[in-house]
Amino acid sequence: MLPEYLRNQATESGTVLDYRDWQVQLGRRFRALKLWFVIRHYGVEGLRHHLRRHVALAQAFAGWVAASAEFELAAPAPLNLVCFRHRSGDDYNRRLLDRLNRSGALYLTHTVLNNRFTLRFCVGQTWTEARHVEAAWRRIQETAREIG
């Protein structure tokens, strides 16, 4: 019930409430209703615009990761989720994730792919722009250098 990308120190210790257990279940009818509201608000073309923009921003981020000597892509990134990691190993990536999330400047999630700790960067907020993704990449690189 609890996939790796939802695990963190706060949930493991029980110090936070998990509101996902308090919501309407994500059955087919409720998911359809959520989609209906999104389409009604943005329109089909507006939804397409947001999806295309998010995918393009994530692809730019994936390109920067692929071009980096310190980082590597952990999986193909065909949509708006980029799974990547620093080449220094699992402990280093755990510290990097912890420091980035504690900074409050950006928030990443994690997972385990091929038995290796992996960072996850997702572009999906309505108002995200290229400058935000660029700033996130700079912050990730700077924090990685600080950990050394």
Foldseek 3Di string as FASTA:
>chain_A
DQAQQNDDDCVVVVVDDDCVVVDDDPDPVVVVVVVVVVCVVQNPVRVVVLQVQLQVLQVVLQVVQCPDPQKHFPDDRRGFKTKIAGPPFQVLRVVLQVVVVVVVLDHWTWHADPNGIIIMDGRHDRPDDNVSSVVVSVVSVVSSVVVD
